[in-house]
Amino acid sequence: MDDPDAHARVLAAESLAADDPTGWFERLYTEAAAGDAVVPWDRGSPHQILVTWAERRPRDGRGRRALVVGCGLGGDAEYVARLGFDTIAFDVAETAVRTCRERFPDTVVDYRTANLLDPPAQWREAFDLVVESLTVQALPPDLHGRAIVQVGHFVAPGGTLVIVSGVPDPDPTWQGPPWPLRRDEVEAFAAGGLDTVSIEQVEGRWLAEFHRPERADG
């Protein structure tokens, strides 16, 4: 593709026109697996802003569980697992999940197909670390609120949520995807009992951290 971002937007527009806001992910990953397209957000490595966040305070995930939301082709998930976390990573696109397993044949990550908008009930408040990197922004704006609530629900008492997202383009003619998150949308991840640790801009993107307090009853 001469312009992978433009091709992704065409697929998204067709999917939205069919009232299927997530169907275009499977189409894109299927084309990519066949060598007919490029996944524009895949760089074959973890997102550098996630790495920056983790290196600020070295993370030891041993004995703790992590969830990577919208794992794509697995760069972030493999990094989180290397920090020692027992890691589950999911994506709505079955082909993305299959590609992750093929790409990392010796992985310790548990890759699964799941929908952020309708996740497994047993994942509620089940993870000590939740990573959401550039996933909510790939959904149309009218789904941001619902997706944000679901992400927050994954965080266990005492757990941490880290968010990486784009900052909205000031151009009023911009048409996504992505649809980067506004500041108030980033702040909304704190709903449902999470405390805001920090919200900042790093290299033109949001980097935010939230924490769910331990329960009073222990």
Protein backbone atom coordinates (compact mmCIF):
# COMPACT_ATOMS: atom_id res chain seq x y z
CA MET A 1 0.00 0.00 0.00
CA ASP A 2 1.29 3.48 -0.87
CA ASP A 3 -0.52 4.85 2.18
CA PRO A 4 -1.42 2.22 4.82
CA ASP A 5 -3.26 4.80 6.94
CA ALA A 6 -5.46 5.81 4.03
CA HIS A 7 -6.24 2.19 3.24
CA ALA A 8 -7.21 1.55 6.88
CA ARG A 9 -9.56 4.54 6.75
CA VAL A 10 -11.23 3.16 3.60
CA LEU A 11 -11.80 -0.20 5.31
CA ALA A 12 -13.13 1.53 8.41
CA ALA A 13 -15.51 3.70 6.41
CA GLU A 14 -16.91 0.65 4.63
CA SER A 15 -17.32 -1.15 7.96
CA LEU A 16 -19.05 1.81 9.60
CA ALA A 17 -21.38 2.17 6.62
CA ALA A 18 -22.41 -1.45 7.22
CA ASP A 19 -23.02 -0.67 10.93
CA ASP A 20 -20.08 -2.88 11.91
CA PRO A 21 -17.59 -0.63 13.74
CA THR A 22 -15.04 -3.37 14.43
CA GLY A 23 -15.31 -5.57 11.34
CA TRP A 24 -12.62 -3.68 9.48
CA PHE A 25 -9.91 -4.92 11.83
CA GLU A 26 -10.34 -8.50 10.66
CA ARG A 27 -10.29 -7.37 7.04
CA LEU A 28 -7.08 -5.43 7.56
CA TYR A 29 -5.26 -8.20 9.41
CA THR A 30 -6.40 -10.77 6.86
CA GLU A 31 -5.06 -8.64 4.03
CA ALA A 32 -1.82 -8.08 5.96
CA ALA A 33 -1.39 -11.81 6.56
CA ALA A 34 -1.72 -12.35 2.81
CA GLY A 35 0.83 -9.64 2.07
CA ASP A 36 -1.77 -7.35 0.50
CA ALA A 37 -1.77 -4.62 3.14
CA VAL A 38 0.28 -3.12 5.96
CA VAL A 39 -1.01 -2.67 9.50
CA PRO A 40 -0.10 1.00 9.96
CA TRP A 41 0.29 0.93 13.74
CA ASP A 42 2.51 -2.17 13.87
CA ARG A 43 6.21 -1.44 14.29
CA GLY A 44 7.31 -4.93 15.30
CA SER A 45 8.21 -3.75 18.80
CA PRO A 46 6.49 -2.39 21.91
CA HIS A 47 5.30 1.19 21.83
CA GLN A 48 8.16 3.35 23.03
CA ILE A 49 5.89 5.38 25.31
CA LEU A 50 4.84 2.19 27.10
CA VAL A 51 8.52 1.32 27.52
CA THR A 52 9.21 4.82 28.85
CA TRP A 53 6.42 4.44 31.40
CA ALA A 54 7.67 1.04 32.58
CA GLU A 55 11.29 2.18 32.87
CA ARG A 56 10.45 5.13 35.09
CA ARG A 57 9.79 2.71 37.92
CA PRO A 58 11.12 -0.76 37.13
CA ARG A 59 8.24 -3.24 37.07
CA ASP A 60 8.44 -6.74 38.49
CA GLY A 61 5.34 -8.60 37.38
CA ARG A 62 6.15 -11.93 38.99
CA GLY A 63 3.06 -13.37 40.62
CA ARG A 64 0.83 -10.73 39.02
CA ARG A 65 -1.58 -10.77 36.08
CA ALA A 66 -1.68 -8.37 33.14
CA LEU A 67 -4.14 -7.73 30.31
CA VAL A 68 -3.20 -6.07 27.02
CA VAL A 69 -6.24 -4.56 25.32
CA GLY A 70 -6.40 -4.72 21.52
CA CYS A 71 -3.05 -6.47 21.23
CA GLY A 72 -2.70 -6.19 17.46
CA LEU A 73 0.39 -8.12 16.39
CA GLY A 74 1.73 -8.57 19.90
CA GLY A 75 4.60 -6.12 20.43
CA ASP A 76 3.22 -4.64 23.65
CA ALA A 77 2.03 -8.00 24.98
CA GLU A 78 5.43 -9.62 24.57
CA TYR A 79 7.06 -6.68 26.35
CA VAL A 80 4.64 -6.87 29.28
CA ALA A 81 5.30 -10.60 29.57
CA ARG A 82 9.05 -9.93 29.68
CA LEU A 83 8.39 -7.78 32.74
CA GLY A 84 7.29 -10.98 34.44
CA PHE A 85 3.52 -10.62 34.30
CA ASP A 86 1.26 -13.59 33.61
CA THR A 87 -0.15 -11.94 30.49
CA ILE A 88 -3.39 -12.29 28.58
CA ALA A 89 -3.65 -10.28 25.36
CA PHE A 90 -6.73 -10.03 23.21
CA ASP A 91 -7.91 -8.61 19.94
CA VAL A 92 -11.25 -8.57 18.17
CA ALA A 93 -9.60 -9.82 14.97
CA GLU A 94 -9.08 -13.58 14.91
CA THR A 95 -6.39 -13.21 12.26
CA ALA A 96 -4.42 -10.82 14.47
CA VAL A 97 -4.47 -13.36 17.29
CA ARG A 98 -3.43 -16.19 14.98
CA THR A 99 -0.62 -14.04 13.57
CA CYS A 100 0.65 -13.30 17.08
CA ARG A 101 0.88 -17.01 17.83
CA GLU A 102 2.74 -17.59 14.56
CA ARG A 103 4.99 -14.59 15.06
CA PHE A 104 5.98 -15.65 18.58
CA PRO A 105 5.88 -19.47 18.54
CA ASP A 106 7.58 -19.73 21.95
CA THR A 107 5.46 -17.04 23.61
CA VAL A 108 4.22 -17.26 27.18
CA VAL A 109 1.43 -14.78 26.39
CA ASP A 110 -2.10 -16.19 26.33
CA TYR A 111 -3.47 -14.66 23.11
CA ARG A 112 -7.25 -14.68 22.81
CA THR A 113 -9.96 -13.37 20.52
CA ALA A 114 -12.38 -11.12 22.40
CA ASN A 115 -14.39 -7.94 21.91
CA LEU A 116 -13.64 -4.96 24.16
CA LEU A 117 -17.28 -3.91 23.91
CA ASP A 118 -18.44 -7.30 25.23
CA PRO A 119 -15.56 -8.85 27.19
CA PRO A 120 -15.61 -12.04 29.27
CA ALA A 121 -17.33 -11.44 32.61
CA GLN A 122 -14.52 -13.15 34.51
CA TRP A 123 -12.08 -10.43 33.49
CA ARG A 124 -13.83 -7.82 35.63
CA GLU A 125 -11.38 -6.46 38.24
CA ALA A 126 -9.08 -9.40 37.52
CA PHE A 127 -5.77 -7.82 36.44
CA ASP A 128 -2.95 -6.12 38.33
CA LEU A 129 -1.84 -4.30 35.18
CA VAL A 130 -4.02 -3.28 32.24
CA VAL A 131 -2.45 -1.76 29.13
CA GLU A 132 -4.60 0.14 26.63
CA SER A 133 -2.43 1.48 23.83
CA LEU A 134 -4.07 3.14 20.80
CA THR A 135 -7.11 0.85 20.93
CA VAL A 136 -10.05 2.98 22.09
CA GLN A 137 -9.01 5.65 19.58
CA ALA A 138 -9.47 3.11 16.78
CA LEU A 139 -13.19 3.02 17.54
CA PRO A 140 -15.57 5.75 16.34
CA PRO A 141 -16.14 8.54 18.88
CA ASP A 142 -19.67 7.44 19.76
CA LEU A 143 -18.19 4.21 21.17
CA HIS A 144 -15.39 5.82 23.18
CA GLY A 145 -17.42 6.18 26.37
CA ARG A 146 -18.55 2.56 26.38
CA ALA A 147 -15.04 1.29 25.63
CA ILE A 148 -13.47 3.49 28.32
CA VAL A 149 -15.81 2.05 30.95
CA GLN A 150 -14.97 -1.51 29.90
CA VAL A 151 -11.22 -0.87 30.11
CA GLY A 152 -11.53 0.47 33.64
CA HIS A 153 -13.50 -2.57 34.73
CA PHE A 154 -10.51 -4.85 34.08
CA VAL A 155 -8.36 -3.32 36.84
CA ALA A 156 -8.15 -5.31 40.07
CA PRO A 157 -8.03 -3.70 43.53
CA GLY A 158 -4.48 -2.45 43.94
CA GLY A 159 -3.99 -2.61 40.18
CA THR A 160 -2.73 -0.14 37.59
CA LEU A 161 -4.09 1.02 34.24
CA VAL A 162 -1.78 2.64 31.71
CA ILE A 163 -3.18 4.47 28.68
CA VAL A 164 -1.38 5.55 25.50
CA SER A 165 -3.42 7.52 22.97
CA GLY A 166 -3.06 10.14 20.33
CA VAL A 167 -3.96 13.77 20.93
CA PRO A 168 -6.76 15.07 18.66
CA ASP A 169 -5.74 16.81 15.46
CA PRO A 170 -6.90 20.43 15.53
CA ASP A 171 -7.91 20.17 11.86
CA PRO A 172 -11.74 20.17 11.93
CA THR A 173 -11.83 18.26 8.64
CA TRP A 174 -9.93 15.27 10.10
CA GLN A 175 -11.60 11.93 9.45
CA GLY A 176 -10.45 8.88 11.34
CA PRO A 177 -9.48 6.33 12.16
CA PRO A 178 -7.87 6.98 14.45
CA TRP A 179 -10.10 9.23 16.52
CA PRO A 180 -7.63 10.29 19.25
CA LEU A 181 -8.94 10.89 22.74
CA ARG A 182 -9.73 14.32 24.12
CA ARG A 183 -8.36 15.24 27.54
CA ASP A 184 -11.78 14.75 29.15
CA GLU A 185 -12.01 11.28 27.61
CA VAL A 186 -8.64 10.35 29.08
CA GLU A 187 -9.82 11.66 32.45
CA ALA A 188 -12.95 9.48 32.13
CA PHE A 189 -10.88 6.33 32.64
CA ALA A 190 -10.93 7.27 36.33
CA ALA A 191 -14.67 6.62 36.50
CA GLY A 192 -15.72 3.48 38.30
CA GLY A 193 -13.43 3.85 41.28
CA LEU A 194 -9.99 4.46 39.76
CA ASP A 195 -7.70 7.21 41.02
CA THR A 196 -5.78 9.36 38.54
CA VAL A 197 -2.03 9.06 39.09
CA SER A 198 -0.89 11.16 36.12
CA ILE A 199 -1.96 12.47 32.73
CA GLU A 200 0.68 14.00 30.50
CA GLN A 201 1.70 14.42 26.89
CA VAL A 202 4.79 12.54 25.75
CA GLU A 203 6.01 12.86 22.17
CA GLY A 204 2.64 14.19 21.06
CA ARG A 205 0.59 11.43 22.72
CA TRP A 206 -1.30 11.02 25.94
CA LEU A 207 0.35 8.90 28.59
CA ALA A 208 -1.91 8.34 31.59
CA GLU A 209 -1.78 6.14 34.66
CA PHE A 210 -4.64 5.19 36.96
CA HIS A 211 -4.84 3.07 40.11
CA ARG A 212 -7.65 1.19 41.80
CA PRO A 213 -7.36 1.40 45.60
CA GLU A 214 -7.25 -1.74 47.64
CA ARG A 215 -10.58 -2.67 49.16
CA ALA A 216 -11.03 -1.63 52.79
CA ASP A 217 -11.81 -5.24 53.71
CA GLY A 218 -8.54 -6.35 52.20
